[in-house]
């Protein structure tokens, strides 16, 4: 793969999957979700980041899918 092709691939990936860092807003959402739904720290951080990024569907095999948290639908891709 050429460097130019790699850079195009990375740019496309970043457009499709925006990076949401654990900002204060993400941390606040995570704390809220953890408190209301008794979620683990890591699960609530993941959901907080999803909520902040506008994600509506999260594919997971270990968070109790199928269920929904604050408009984020959890889907087990293996069932």
C-alpha atoms as a PDB file:
ATOM      1  CA  UNK A   1       0.000   0.000   0.000  1.00  0.00           C
ATOM      2  CA  UNK A   2       1.382   3.375  -0.913  1.00  0.00           C
ATOM      3  CA  UNK A   3       1.603   6.210   1.592  1.00  0.00           C
ATOM      4  CA  UNK A   4      -1.005   8.162  -0.369  1.00  0.00           C
ATOM      5  CA  UNK A   5      -3.424   5.219  -0.304  1.00  0.00           C
ATOM      6  CA  UNK A   6      -2.861   4.790   3.420  1.00  0.00           C
ATOM      7  CA  UNK A   7      -3.570   8.478   4.078  1.00  0.00           C
ATOM      8  CA  UNK A   8      -6.797   8.272   2.019  1.00  0.00           C
ATOM      9  CA  UNK A   9      -7.851   5.162   3.928  1.00  0.00           C
ATOM     10  CA  UNK A  10      -7.197   6.825   7.290  1.00  0.00           C
ATOM     11  CA  UNK A  11      -9.093   9.976   6.215  1.00  0.00           C
ATOM     12  CA  UNK A  12     -12.081   7.871   5.153  1.00  0.00           C
ATOM     13  CA  UNK A  13     -11.986   5.902   8.405  1.00  0.00           C
ATOM     14  CA  UNK A  14     -11.884   9.106  10.473  1.00  0.00           C
ATOM     15  CA  UNK A  15     -14.876  10.533   8.586  1.00  0.00           C
ATOM     16  CA  UNK A  16     -16.893   7.360   9.176  1.00  0.00           C
ATOM     17  CA  UNK A  17     -15.850   6.899  12.798  1.00  0.00           C
ATOM     18  CA  UNK A  18     -15.285  10.254  14.509  1.00  0.00           C
ATOM     19  CA  UNK A  19     -13.047  10.248  17.560  1.00  0.00           C
ATOM     20  CA  UNK A  20     -14.720  11.443  20.754  1.00  0.00           C
ATOM     21  CA  UNK A  21     -12.298  11.924  23.594  1.00  0.00           C
ATOM     22  CA  UNK A  22     -13.353  11.711  27.248  1.00  0.00           C
ATOM     23  CA  UNK A  23     -14.178  15.394  27.549  1.00  0.00           C
ATOM     24  CA  UNK A  24     -15.869  16.771  30.656  1.00  0.00           C
ATOM     25  CA  UNK A  25     -19.207  16.384  28.833  1.00  0.00           C
ATOM     26  CA  UNK A  26     -18.529  12.713  28.090  1.00  0.00           C
ATOM     27  CA  UNK A  27     -17.479  12.125  31.697  1.00  0.00           C
ATOM     28  CA  UNK A  28     -20.639  13.858  32.961  1.00  0.00           C
ATOM     29  CA  UNK A  29     -22.817  11.752  30.665  1.00  0.00           C
ATOM     30  CA  UNK A  30     -20.988   8.613  31.805  1.00  0.00           C
ATOM     31  CA  UNK A  31     -21.501   9.416  35.469  1.00  0.00           C
ATOM     32  CA  UNK A  32     -25.186  10.091  34.831  1.00  0.00           C
ATOM     33  CA  UNK A  33     -25.640   6.840  32.898  1.00  0.00           C
ATOM     34  CA  UNK A  34     -23.734   4.809  35.495  1.00  0.00           C
ATOM     35  CA  UNK A  35     -25.894   6.222  38.284  1.00  0.00           C
ATOM     36  CA  UNK A  36     -29.228   5.777  36.546  1.00  0.00           C
ATOM     37  CA  UNK A  37     -28.602   2.347  35.043  1.00  0.00           C
ATOM     38  CA  UNK A  38     -26.026   0.795  37.435  1.00  0.00           C
ATOM     39  CA  UNK A  39     -23.479   0.441  34.631  1.00  0.00           C
ATOM     40  CA  UNK A  40     -19.780  -0.216  35.058  1.00  0.00           C
ATOM     41  CA  UNK A  41     -17.367   2.673  34.602  1.00  0.00           C
ATOM     42  CA  UNK A  42     -16.141   1.412  31.224  1.00  0.00           C
ATOM     43  CA  UNK A  43     -19.612   0.669  29.858  1.00  0.00           C
ATOM     44  CA  UNK A  44     -20.873   4.078  30.926  1.00  0.00           C
ATOM     45  CA  UNK A  45     -17.817   5.806  29.380  1.00  0.00           C
ATOM     46  CA  UNK A  46     -18.444   3.985  26.105  1.00  0.00           C
ATOM     47  CA  UNK A  47     -22.117   4.962  26.131  1.00  0.00           C
ATOM     48  CA  UNK A  48     -21.263   8.536  27.131  1.00  0.00           C
ATOM     49  CA  UNK A  49     -18.925   8.799  24.148  1.00  0.00           C
ATOM     50  CA  UNK A  50     -21.568   7.303  21.870  1.00  0.00           C
ATOM     51  CA  UNK A  51     -24.169   9.772  23.097  1.00  0.00           C
ATOM     52  CA  UNK A  52     -21.795  12.714  22.621  1.00  0.00           C
ATOM     53  CA  UNK A  53     -20.957  11.537  19.072  1.00  0.00           C
ATOM     54  CA  UNK A  54     -24.590  11.037  18.091  1.00  0.00           C
ATOM     55  CA  UNK A  55     -24.310   7.259  17.815  1.00  0.00           C
ATOM     56  CA  UNK A  56     -27.716   5.563  17.943  1.00  0.00           C
ATOM     57  CA  UNK A  57     -26.680   1.902  17.584  1.00  0.00           C
ATOM     58  CA  UNK A  58     -23.871   0.160  19.462  1.00  0.00           C
ATOM     59  CA  UNK A  59     -22.943  -3.377  18.452  1.00  0.00           C
ATOM     60  CA  UNK A  60     -21.838  -5.312  21.533  1.00  0.00           C
ATOM     61  CA  UNK A  61     -21.939  -8.873  22.748  1.00  0.00           C
ATOM     62  CA  UNK A  62     -21.457  -8.213  26.451  1.00  0.00           C
ATOM     63  CA  UNK A  63     -23.584  -5.227  27.538  1.00  0.00           C
ATOM     64  CA  UNK A  64     -26.928  -6.966  27.795  1.00  0.00           C
ATOM     65  CA  UNK A  65     -28.077  -6.497  24.216  1.00  0.00           C
ATOM     66  CA  UNK A  66     -30.786  -6.149  23.093  1.00  0.00           C
ATOM     67  CA  UNK A  67     -31.600  -3.133  25.211  1.00  0.00           C
ATOM     68  CA  UNK A  68     -31.482   0.638  24.987  1.00  0.00           C
ATOM     69  CA  UNK A  69     -29.894   3.402  27.080  1.00  0.00           C
ATOM     70  CA  UNK A  70     -30.909   7.018  26.451  1.00  0.00           C
ATOM     71  CA  UNK A  71     -31.650   6.426  22.787  1.00  0.00           C
ATOM     72  CA  UNK A  72     -28.646   4.189  22.106  1.00  0.00           C
ATOM     73  CA  UNK A  73     -29.839   0.790  20.946  1.00  0.00           C
ATOM     74  CA  UNK A  74     -27.528  -2.089  21.934  1.00  0.00           C
ATOM     75  CA  UNK A  75     -27.424  -4.888  19.368  1.00  0.00           C
ATOM     76  CA  UNK A  76     -25.636  -8.219  19.714  1.00  0.00           C
ATOM     77  CA  UNK A  77     -24.180  -8.879  16.245  1.00  0.00           C
ATOM     78  CA  UNK A  78     -23.858 -12.596  16.978  1.00  0.00           C
ATOM     79  CA  UNK A  79     -27.532 -13.360  17.565  1.00  0.00           C
END
